[in-house]
Amino acid sequence: MENKEQLSAVCAYLEKRETENIKIARIYAESNIFQEDIPGYIEKLKKKKIEFYLALPHVFRKGSAERIEKCISRFSEKELDGVLIRNWEQYTLLCQLQFDKKVISDDNLYVFNRFSKEFMKKAGFSEFTAPAELNESELKILGLETAELTVYGYRPVMISAQCIMKTRGKCTKNSSFTQMKDRIGEEFLVQNRCDECYNIVYNSAPLYLGTQKVKIQKLSPKRLRIRFGAERKEEVKKVLEQAIDAFGEKPQFDYTQEHFKRGVL
């Protein structure tokens, strides 16, 4: 999740349904969330035995190592359970720091076959994220027993070190969301990550695989992941209700199933 509002929404949802057996095993929080004041939230998650992971930036620049080390050091031994990494520079840094928590690869560190899966295991990754490019049949061959499968979220279609806001002459140096429109009028959400100076352009519709419930059950991934981006508090609540209470039913929002059914080729 991207901000304090989303973290607050998840905690409020869990408290509201405290008497029910809601199984949320892990929270990933983007590293820029810690520029905000989030006292008490990690403690609430820990009381519910929910793991807390730090999601590192997509881009690794000069100075990133120092910023990542500083961010990790803010947490006590009991607060941080591991990290989600997005590039090999981060892996190298964690090895240099002798980081002894769990390390999980995001879907852009592409585990596309059993050989790459075995490579990641030998490199010390405890789990990986199922790649977005593989369809159901290919995921079955790969095997998802140590993988998380993303079932909701706006996928990045481009990650760029060229700042869109600066190109427009309006760089504010404040991380935020904006929109851009392509030549056929399709609108895309753009996130400005000013902490590491890069942009993420997201797909125009979110991924949602809830309608593929039976096929997902057959794939037996270790976990399912819900990925929040620009969603506000009420949207977070609606997505959680859809994914937890109505998984298997068609949602009330536009969505895409990306490559899960048809694959890349």
Protein backbone atom coordinates (compact mmCIF):
# COMPACT_ATOMS: atom_id res chain seq x y z
CA MET A 1 0.00 0.00 0.00
CA GLU A 2 1.02 3.52 -0.79
CA ASN A 3 -0.01 5.76 2.09
CA LYS A 4 -1.30 6.18 5.62
CA GLU A 5 -4.92 6.45 4.44
CA GLN A 6 -4.82 2.97 2.91
CA LEU A 7 -3.09 1.48 5.95
CA SER A 8 -5.70 3.11 8.17
CA ALA A 9 -8.51 1.70 6.00
CA VAL A 10 -7.15 -1.84 6.25
CA CYS A 11 -6.75 -1.59 10.04
CA ALA A 12 -10.30 -0.19 10.36
CA TYR A 13 -11.65 -3.03 8.20
CA LEU A 14 -9.94 -5.63 10.38
CA GLU A 15 -11.20 -4.04 13.59
CA LYS A 16 -14.76 -3.89 12.27
CA ARG A 17 -14.66 -7.60 11.47
CA GLU A 18 -12.58 -8.66 14.45
CA THR A 19 -14.89 -11.54 15.40
CA GLU A 20 -14.67 -13.08 11.94
CA ASN A 21 -11.90 -15.26 10.60
CA ILE A 22 -10.47 -12.76 8.09
CA LYS A 23 -7.18 -14.15 6.84
CA ILE A 24 -4.80 -11.34 5.95
CA ALA A 25 -1.33 -12.76 6.40
CA ARG A 26 0.91 -9.92 5.28
CA ILE A 27 1.04 -6.19 4.55
CA TYR A 28 3.46 -4.65 2.06
CA ALA A 29 4.04 -0.94 2.55
CA GLU A 30 5.90 1.18 0.00
CA SER A 31 9.06 2.77 1.36
CA ASN A 32 7.73 6.30 0.79
CA ILE A 33 4.87 5.66 3.25
CA PHE A 34 7.34 6.18 6.08
CA GLN A 35 7.68 9.83 5.21
CA GLU A 36 4.28 10.01 6.88
CA ASP A 37 3.48 9.57 10.56
CA ILE A 38 2.09 6.06 11.13
CA PRO A 39 2.29 5.45 14.89
CA GLY A 40 0.39 2.48 16.22
CA TYR A 41 -0.51 0.86 12.90
CA ILE A 42 2.33 -1.65 12.90
CA GLU A 43 1.51 -2.54 16.51
CA LYS A 44 -2.13 -3.18 15.52
CA LEU A 45 -1.02 -5.49 12.70
CA LYS A 46 1.35 -7.39 14.96
CA LYS A 47 -1.39 -8.01 17.54
CA LYS A 48 -3.37 -9.69 14.76
CA LYS A 49 -0.27 -11.70 13.78
CA ILE A 50 -0.02 -9.98 10.39
CA GLU A 51 3.48 -9.77 8.91
CA PHE A 52 4.81 -6.33 7.97
CA TYR A 53 7.04 -5.98 4.90
CA LEU A 54 8.78 -3.02 3.32
CA ALA A 55 8.39 -2.71 -0.48
CA LEU A 56 11.52 -1.12 -1.94
CA PRO A 57 11.47 1.37 -4.87
CA HIS A 58 11.42 0.22 -8.51
CA VAL A 59 14.41 2.40 -9.43
CA PHE A 60 17.84 2.28 -7.77
CA ARG A 61 19.76 5.55 -8.10
CA LYS A 62 22.87 7.10 -6.65
CA GLY A 63 22.01 7.65 -3.01
CA SER A 64 19.33 4.91 -2.99
CA ALA A 65 21.50 2.57 -0.91
CA GLU A 66 21.81 5.12 1.88
CA ARG A 67 18.07 5.90 1.80
CA ILE A 68 17.07 2.21 1.87
CA GLU A 69 19.46 1.43 4.73
CA LYS A 70 18.09 4.37 6.69
CA CYS A 71 14.49 3.28 6.04
CA ILE A 72 15.15 -0.30 7.18
CA SER A 73 16.95 0.89 10.30
CA ARG A 74 13.82 2.74 11.50
CA PHE A 75 12.22 -0.55 12.43
CA SER A 76 12.89 -2.72 15.43
CA GLU A 77 13.70 -6.42 15.18
CA LYS A 78 10.07 -7.33 15.94
CA GLU A 79 8.42 -4.79 13.61
CA LEU A 80 9.90 -5.69 10.22
CA ASP A 81 9.44 -9.23 8.89
CA GLY A 82 11.09 -8.78 5.49
CA VAL A 83 11.30 -6.81 2.26
CA LEU A 84 9.89 -6.96 -1.26
CA ILE A 85 12.56 -6.07 -3.83
CA ARG A 86 12.23 -4.85 -7.43
CA ASN A 87 15.80 -4.95 -8.79
CA TRP A 88 19.11 -6.79 -8.38
CA GLU A 89 20.90 -3.73 -7.00
CA GLN A 90 18.65 -3.99 -3.95
CA TYR A 91 19.50 -7.68 -3.60
CA THR A 92 23.22 -6.84 -3.67
CA LEU A 93 22.71 -4.11 -1.06
CA LEU A 94 20.82 -6.46 1.27
CA CYS A 95 23.64 -9.01 0.98
CA GLN A 96 26.16 -6.30 1.88
CA LEU A 97 24.03 -5.28 4.86
CA GLN A 98 23.77 -8.95 5.91
CA PHE A 99 20.01 -8.55 6.04
CA ASP A 100 18.66 -11.61 7.86
CA LYS A 101 14.91 -11.22 7.25
CA LYS A 102 12.85 -12.73 4.44
CA VAL A 103 13.45 -11.37 0.93
CA ILE A 104 10.69 -11.70 -1.68
CA SER A 105 10.96 -10.78 -5.36
CA ASP A 106 8.24 -8.73 -7.06
CA ASP A 107 6.81 -9.79 -10.43
CA ASN A 108 9.25 -7.67 -12.45
CA LEU A 109 12.12 -9.89 -11.24
CA TYR A 110 10.85 -12.34 -13.77
CA VAL A 111 10.55 -15.96 -12.56
CA PHE A 112 9.35 -17.35 -15.89
CA ASN A 113 10.28 -21.05 -15.70
CA ARG A 114 11.46 -23.76 -13.32
CA PHE A 115 15.15 -22.94 -13.92
CA SER A 116 14.73 -19.29 -12.86
CA LYS A 117 12.58 -20.48 -9.96
CA GLU A 118 15.41 -22.75 -8.76
CA PHE A 119 17.92 -19.90 -9.27
CA MET A 120 15.88 -17.60 -7.02
CA LYS A 121 15.67 -20.29 -4.36
CA LYS A 122 19.45 -20.77 -4.37
CA ALA A 123 19.92 -16.99 -4.21
CA GLY A 124 18.06 -16.99 -0.88
CA PHE A 125 14.62 -15.75 -1.87
CA SER A 126 12.04 -17.32 0.42
CA GLU A 127 9.17 -16.60 -2.00
CA PHE A 128 8.50 -14.92 -5.34
CA THR A 129 5.66 -13.08 -7.03
CA ALA A 130 4.00 -14.88 -9.93
CA PRO A 131 4.89 -13.11 -13.22
CA ALA A 132 2.14 -11.15 -14.96
CA GLU A 133 3.14 -12.45 -18.41
CA LEU A 134 2.27 -16.12 -17.86
CA ASN A 135 -1.20 -17.52 -18.46
CA GLU A 136 -2.96 -20.10 -16.31
CA SER A 137 -1.43 -23.13 -18.05
CA GLU A 138 2.08 -21.68 -17.86
CA LEU A 139 1.65 -20.80 -14.19
CA LYS A 140 0.59 -24.38 -13.53
CA ILE A 141 3.80 -25.69 -15.14
CA LEU A 142 5.88 -23.18 -13.17
CA GLY A 143 4.28 -24.14 -9.84
CA LEU A 144 3.11 -21.53 -7.35
CA GLU A 145 3.67 -23.37 -4.07
CA THR A 146 6.14 -20.65 -2.96
CA ALA A 147 4.55 -17.78 -4.88
CA GLU A 148 2.09 -14.97 -4.35
CA LEU A 149 -0.41 -14.40 -7.14
CA THR A 150 -1.68 -10.85 -7.61
CA VAL A 151 -5.48 -10.94 -7.98
CA TYR A 152 -6.22 -7.20 -7.82
CA GLY A 153 -4.33 -4.05 -8.64
CA TYR A 154 -3.42 -1.48 -11.25
CA ARG A 155 -0.37 -2.91 -13.02
CA PRO A 156 2.53 -0.68 -14.07
CA VAL A 157 2.74 -0.48 -17.87
CA MET A 158 5.81 1.77 -17.74
CA ILE A 159 8.39 2.83 -15.18
CA SER A 160 10.30 5.90 -16.31
CA ALA A 161 13.14 7.97 -14.89
CA GLN A 162 11.90 10.82 -17.09
CA CYS A 163 9.66 12.94 -14.88
CA ILE A 164 6.36 13.75 -16.56
CA MET A 165 5.76 16.70 -14.24
CA LYS A 166 9.19 18.17 -15.03
CA THR A 167 8.55 17.75 -18.76
CA ARG A 168 5.38 19.82 -18.27
CA GLY A 169 7.40 22.39 -16.33
CA LYS A 170 5.44 21.75 -13.13
CA CYS A 171 7.70 19.64 -10.90
CA THR A 172 6.69 20.23 -7.27
CA LYS A 173 9.04 17.62 -5.75
CA ASN A 174 6.05 16.16 -3.91
CA SER A 175 5.05 12.55 -4.56
CA SER A 176 1.53 12.46 -5.98
CA PHE A 177 -0.77 10.97 -8.61
CA THR A 178 -1.72 12.60 -11.89
CA GLN A 179 -3.19 11.45 -15.21
CA MET A 180 -2.10 11.36 -18.82
CA LYS A 181 -4.10 10.66 -21.99
CA ASP A 182 -2.93 8.76 -25.07
CA ARG A 183 -3.72 9.56 -28.70
CA ILE A 184 -7.02 7.65 -28.64
CA GLY A 185 -8.21 9.32 -25.45
CA GLU A 186 -7.43 6.51 -22.99
CA GLU A 187 -6.51 7.86 -19.56
CA PHE A 188 -3.67 6.40 -17.51
CA LEU A 189 -2.87 7.04 -13.87
CA VAL A 190 0.68 8.27 -13.25
CA GLN A 191 2.42 8.14 -9.91
CA ASN A 192 5.27 10.58 -9.26
CA ARG A 193 7.77 8.99 -6.86
CA CYS A 194 9.78 12.06 -5.96
CA ASP A 195 11.67 10.26 -3.18
CA GLU A 196 13.63 8.38 -5.88
CA CYS A 197 12.69 10.65 -8.84
CA TYR A 198 10.80 8.35 -11.19
CA ASN A 199 7.29 7.87 -12.58
CA ILE A 200 5.02 4.82 -12.74
CA VAL A 201 2.39 4.75 -15.47
CA TYR A 202 -0.44 2.35 -14.56
CA ASN A 203 -2.87 0.45 -16.75
CA SER A 204 -6.20 2.18 -17.33
CA ALA A 205 -8.17 -0.65 -15.66
CA PRO A 206 -7.22 -2.77 -12.64
CA LEU A 207 -6.41 -6.44 -12.80
CA TYR A 208 -9.05 -8.59 -11.13
CA LEU A 209 -8.96 -12.40 -11.13
CA GLY A 210 -11.79 -13.09 -8.69
CA THR A 211 -13.93 -14.48 -11.51
CA GLN A 212 -11.25 -17.16 -12.02
CA LYS A 213 -11.69 -18.55 -8.51
CA VAL A 214 -11.83 -22.25 -9.47
CA LYS A 215 -8.74 -22.02 -11.68
CA ILE A 216 -6.83 -20.16 -8.98
CA GLN A 217 -7.75 -22.81 -6.43
CA LYS A 218 -6.30 -25.45 -8.76
CA LEU A 219 -3.07 -23.44 -9.10
CA SER A 220 -2.77 -23.40 -5.28
CA PRO A 221 -0.55 -20.32 -4.85
CA LYS A 222 0.90 -19.82 -1.40
CA ARG A 223 -0.91 -16.48 -1.08
CA LEU A 224 -3.09 -14.09 -3.03
CA ARG A 225 -2.06 -10.44 -3.19
CA ILE A 226 -4.22 -7.31 -3.38
CA ARG A 227 -2.21 -4.36 -4.62
CA PHE A 228 -3.44 -0.88 -3.74
CA GLY A 229 -2.24 2.21 -5.58
CA ALA A 230 -4.27 5.41 -5.72
CA GLU A 231 -7.39 4.00 -4.07
CA ARG A 232 -8.96 6.15 -1.38
CA LYS A 233 -10.30 4.85 1.94
CA GLU A 234 -13.77 3.85 0.70
CA GLU A 235 -12.32 2.21 -2.41
CA VAL A 236 -9.95 0.15 -0.25
CA LYS A 237 -12.93 -1.03 1.79
CA LYS A 238 -14.93 -1.98 -1.33
CA VAL A 239 -12.02 -3.90 -2.85
CA LEU A 240 -11.44 -5.82 0.39
CA GLU A 241 -15.13 -6.71 0.60
CA GLN A 242 -15.14 -7.85 -3.03
CA ALA A 243 -11.98 -9.92 -2.71
CA ILE A 244 -12.80 -11.46 0.67
CA ASP A 245 -16.60 -11.78 0.69
CA ALA A 246 -17.43 -12.05 -3.01
CA PHE A 247 -14.35 -13.67 -4.54
CA GLY A 248 -15.66 -15.61 -7.50
CA GLU A 249 -18.33 -13.08 -8.39
CA LYS A 250 -18.15 -10.38 -11.05
CA PRO A 251 -17.24 -7.01 -9.47
CA GLN A 252 -19.10 -3.73 -9.91
CA PHE A 253 -16.10 -2.01 -11.51
CA ASP A 254 -14.35 -2.24 -14.88
CA TYR A 255 -11.43 -4.65 -14.83
CA THR A 256 -9.03 -6.68 -16.94
CA GLN A 257 -7.72 -10.23 -16.56
CA GLU A 258 -4.56 -9.37 -18.51
CA HIS A 259 -2.55 -12.43 -19.58
CA PHE A 260 -4.10 -14.93 -17.18
CA LYS A 261 -6.47 -16.32 -19.84
CA ARG A 262 -4.76 -15.60 -23.14
CA GLY A 263 -1.05 -15.29 -22.39
CA VAL A 264 1.45 -13.06 -24.20
CA LEU A 265 1.57 -14.91 -27.53
